[in-house]
């Protein structure tokens, strides 16, 4: 099915000029065209149209995913909040006290992956060693990338955070690829204006699309 994603502003990649009223035409898991909405709408009048407020950009990548996914436990908000709270639990002693099974670690990673999708993340980088965690990441739709340079080196640690903008001087450095014809249908939409993505923050994510599938939509 053809789907036409229309946004107030389209930013196809790092350093690209913003396109007001831009749109992305998706067929299955691939992008077939990118350009002004009026042009693409006339080209594919049969396409289903999704209208998004704000800024459509490439999906984001989170570096240092091991700290978030394997070296922290994300409590189940429905069943564990009273005993464990709702914030991630980190630290060797704290995790040992929980007596985590591999199944619980996998469920924790699944909950963390949902937090990432809600921030426009489409890929994570890091060396994941727990099979249940790797499975949770794969099932979520997130792409697992090799560690970035220096990632995981002794003395170099990333805070346990689902925010892909954390520590970046330029938020566009978090873009994973570009939004282009022939490329994968993998992008995010934020309730932000062009040039204000830093101020809005990744929590302003409205929608996340991976492989043409809408994996997060703000309610």
Protein backbone atom coordinates (compact mmCIF):
# COMPACT_ATOMS: atom_id res chain seq x y z
CA UNK A 1 0.00 0.00 0.00
CA UNK A 2 1.21 3.49 -0.88
CA UNK A 3 1.30 5.90 2.05
CA UNK A 4 2.03 9.60 1.78
CA UNK A 5 3.46 11.13 4.94
CA UNK A 6 2.97 14.90 4.95
CA UNK A 7 4.62 17.19 7.51
CA UNK A 8 4.72 20.91 8.17
CA UNK A 9 8.45 20.79 7.43
CA UNK A 10 10.65 18.06 5.93
CA UNK A 11 14.36 17.80 6.75
CA UNK A 12 15.89 15.03 4.67
CA UNK A 13 19.25 14.84 6.41
CA UNK A 14 22.09 16.54 8.20
CA UNK A 15 22.69 20.00 6.76
CA UNK A 16 19.81 19.78 4.28
CA UNK A 17 17.57 22.77 3.65
CA UNK A 18 14.16 22.45 5.34
CA UNK A 19 11.26 21.94 2.94
CA UNK A 20 7.97 23.45 4.15
CA UNK A 21 4.99 21.29 3.24
CA UNK A 22 7.26 18.39 2.37
CA UNK A 23 6.15 14.81 2.04
CA UNK A 24 7.49 11.28 1.78
CA UNK A 25 5.85 8.65 -0.42
CA UNK A 26 6.26 5.13 0.94
CA UNK A 27 5.59 1.82 -0.78
CA UNK A 28 5.95 -1.07 1.66
CA UNK A 29 9.27 -0.67 3.40
CA UNK A 30 10.89 1.71 0.87
CA UNK A 31 10.66 5.38 0.05
CA UNK A 32 9.66 5.94 -3.58
CA UNK A 33 9.68 9.74 -3.68
CA UNK A 34 10.40 12.81 -1.56
CA UNK A 35 9.24 16.34 -2.32
CA UNK A 36 6.44 18.91 -2.00
CA UNK A 37 3.13 17.42 -0.87
CA UNK A 38 1.18 18.86 -3.80
CA UNK A 39 3.54 17.24 -6.29
CA UNK A 40 3.55 13.82 -4.66
CA UNK A 41 -0.17 13.90 -3.97
CA UNK A 42 -0.85 14.48 -7.67
CA UNK A 43 1.59 11.70 -8.56
CA UNK A 44 -0.08 9.15 -6.29
CA UNK A 45 -3.71 10.21 -5.71
CA UNK A 46 -4.54 6.71 -4.51
CA UNK A 47 -2.09 6.86 -1.61
CA UNK A 48 -3.28 6.89 1.97
CA UNK A 49 -2.29 10.24 3.51
CA UNK A 50 -0.92 10.69 7.01
CA UNK A 51 -0.68 14.34 8.05
CA UNK A 52 1.85 15.06 10.76
CA UNK A 53 2.27 18.32 12.65
CA UNK A 54 5.84 19.51 12.98
CA UNK A 55 9.17 18.37 11.58
CA UNK A 56 9.85 15.10 9.72
CA UNK A 57 13.49 13.99 9.90
CA UNK A 58 15.59 10.85 9.51
CA UNK A 59 15.16 8.48 12.42
CA UNK A 60 17.67 8.78 15.24
CA UNK A 61 20.44 6.52 16.50
CA UNK A 62 21.28 6.04 20.19
CA UNK A 63 24.92 5.28 20.96
CA UNK A 64 25.98 3.42 24.08
CA UNK A 65 22.93 1.19 24.09
CA UNK A 66 24.52 -1.44 26.30
CA UNK A 67 24.32 0.84 29.33
CA UNK A 68 20.63 1.39 28.73
CA UNK A 69 19.59 -2.10 27.66
CA UNK A 70 21.89 -4.49 29.55
CA UNK A 71 23.35 -2.51 32.42
CA UNK A 72 20.08 -1.11 33.70
CA UNK A 73 16.72 -2.59 34.67
CA UNK A 74 13.52 -0.87 33.58
CA UNK A 75 10.74 -1.72 36.04
CA UNK A 76 7.34 -2.81 34.82
CA UNK A 77 5.22 0.26 35.51
CA UNK A 78 2.09 -1.82 36.00
CA UNK A 79 3.39 -4.48 38.36
CA UNK A 80 6.66 -3.22 39.87
CA UNK A 81 6.25 0.52 40.35
CA UNK A 82 5.25 0.26 44.02
CA UNK A 83 8.30 -1.80 44.93
CA UNK A 84 10.90 -0.52 42.45
CA UNK A 85 9.66 2.85 41.25
CA UNK A 86 9.54 3.80 37.60
CA UNK A 87 13.10 4.99 36.90
CA UNK A 88 15.83 2.70 35.49
CA UNK A 89 17.87 0.86 38.13
CA UNK A 90 21.61 0.72 37.45
CA UNK A 91 24.73 -0.36 39.30
CA UNK A 92 26.21 -3.83 39.77
CA UNK A 93 25.09 -4.18 43.39
CA UNK A 94 21.59 -2.89 42.70
CA UNK A 95 21.09 -5.24 39.76
CA UNK A 96 22.50 -8.22 41.67
CA UNK A 97 19.98 -7.56 44.44
CA UNK A 98 17.14 -7.91 41.94
CA UNK A 99 18.19 -11.47 41.06
CA UNK A 100 17.32 -10.95 37.43
CA UNK A 101 16.62 -13.91 35.19
CA UNK A 102 17.38 -13.67 31.48
CA UNK A 103 13.65 -13.48 30.80
CA UNK A 104 13.27 -10.44 33.07
CA UNK A 105 16.26 -8.80 31.43
CA UNK A 106 14.67 -9.36 28.03
CA UNK A 107 11.38 -7.85 29.23
CA UNK A 108 13.28 -4.88 30.64
CA UNK A 109 14.98 -4.35 27.27
CA UNK A 110 11.60 -4.53 25.53
CA UNK A 111 10.27 -1.74 27.75
CA UNK A 112 13.41 0.31 27.12
CA UNK A 113 13.03 -0.20 23.36
CA UNK A 114 9.51 1.24 23.54
CA UNK A 115 10.93 4.33 25.27
CA UNK A 116 13.44 4.68 22.45
CA UNK A 117 10.79 4.41 19.75
CA UNK A 118 8.86 7.15 21.56
CA UNK A 119 11.89 9.42 21.09
CA UNK A 120 12.29 8.83 17.36
CA UNK A 121 15.08 6.27 17.70
CA UNK A 122 15.32 3.74 14.86
CA UNK A 123 18.75 2.25 15.59
CA UNK A 124 21.06 1.61 18.54
CA UNK A 125 24.78 0.94 18.66
CA UNK A 126 26.62 -1.19 21.17
CA UNK A 127 27.82 -4.68 21.90
CA UNK A 128 24.88 -6.59 23.40
CA UNK A 129 25.80 -9.94 24.95
CA UNK A 130 22.57 -11.13 26.56
CA UNK A 131 20.58 -13.22 24.06
CA UNK A 132 17.19 -12.18 25.47
CA UNK A 133 18.16 -8.51 25.16
CA UNK A 134 19.31 -8.95 21.57
CA UNK A 135 16.03 -10.70 20.78
CA UNK A 136 14.01 -7.88 22.37
CA UNK A 137 15.85 -5.29 20.29
CA UNK A 138 15.34 -7.26 17.08
CA UNK A 139 11.63 -7.75 17.75
CA UNK A 140 11.14 -4.07 18.52
CA UNK A 141 12.22 -3.15 14.98
CA UNK A 142 15.32 -1.24 16.09
CA UNK A 143 18.45 -1.80 14.03
CA UNK A 144 21.49 -2.94 16.03
CA UNK A 145 24.72 -1.31 14.87
CA UNK A 146 28.33 -2.08 15.87
CA UNK A 147 29.75 0.07 18.68
CA UNK A 148 30.87 3.55 17.66
CA UNK A 149 34.51 4.56 18.01
CA UNK A 150 35.46 4.60 21.69
CA UNK A 151 32.14 3.14 22.76
CA UNK A 152 32.55 0.72 25.64
CA UNK A 153 36.20 1.66 26.19
CA UNK A 154 37.42 1.55 29.82
CA UNK A 155 36.51 4.75 31.61
CA UNK A 156 34.16 5.86 28.83
CA UNK A 157 30.57 5.44 29.92
CA UNK A 158 27.29 6.90 28.80
CA UNK A 159 24.57 7.87 31.23
CA UNK A 160 21.61 5.50 31.40
CA UNK A 161 19.34 7.58 29.18
CA UNK A 162 16.92 7.01 26.34
CA UNK A 163 17.64 10.49 24.99
CA UNK A 164 19.64 10.26 21.73
CA UNK A 165 20.46 13.99 21.93
CA UNK A 166 22.31 13.67 25.23
CA UNK A 167 25.94 14.70 24.93
CA UNK A 168 25.67 15.91 21.33
CA UNK A 169 26.70 19.43 20.33
CA UNK A 170 24.49 19.17 17.22
CA UNK A 171 21.30 17.10 17.41
CA UNK A 172 21.57 16.38 13.68
CA UNK A 173 24.54 14.18 14.54
CA UNK A 174 21.96 11.71 15.82
CA UNK A 175 20.34 11.33 12.39
CA UNK A 176 20.58 7.77 11.06
CA UNK A 177 21.01 8.10 7.31
CA UNK A 178 18.82 10.30 5.14
CA UNK A 179 15.24 10.44 3.91
CA UNK A 180 15.63 9.78 0.19
CA UNK A 181 13.94 8.02 -2.71
CA UNK A 182 15.05 4.41 -2.93
CA UNK A 183 16.07 4.32 0.71
CA UNK A 184 14.41 2.57 3.64
CA UNK A 185 11.18 4.06 4.99
CA UNK A 186 12.76 4.98 8.32
CA UNK A 187 12.05 8.39 9.81
CA UNK A 188 10.59 10.28 12.75
CA UNK A 189 8.32 13.28 13.26
CA UNK A 190 8.70 15.83 16.05
CA UNK A 191 6.41 18.56 17.36
CA UNK A 192 9.04 21.15 16.53
CA UNK A 193 9.81 23.84 14.00
CA UNK A 194 12.85 23.80 11.76
CA UNK A 195 15.84 24.91 13.80
CA UNK A 196 14.17 24.24 17.15
CA UNK A 197 14.66 20.49 17.50
CA UNK A 198 17.18 20.94 20.31
CA UNK A 199 14.77 23.08 22.30
CA UNK A 200 11.83 20.73 21.69
CA UNK A 201 13.89 17.66 22.60
CA UNK A 202 13.53 14.07 21.47
CA UNK A 203 10.55 13.67 23.83
CA UNK A 204 8.61 15.81 21.34
CA UNK A 205 8.47 12.81 18.99
CA UNK A 206 5.04 12.45 17.41
CA UNK A 207 5.68 9.35 15.28
CA UNK A 208 8.39 6.83 14.44
CA UNK A 209 8.34 4.81 11.22
CA UNK A 210 10.64 1.83 10.57
CA UNK A 211 10.38 -0.32 7.47
CA UNK A 212 7.26 1.58 6.51
CA UNK A 213 5.53 0.55 9.73
CA UNK A 214 4.25 3.08 12.24
CA UNK A 215 5.90 1.74 15.40
CA UNK A 216 5.18 4.73 17.59
CA UNK A 217 2.43 7.32 17.48
CA UNK A 218 1.81 9.80 20.24
CA UNK A 219 -1.67 9.43 21.68
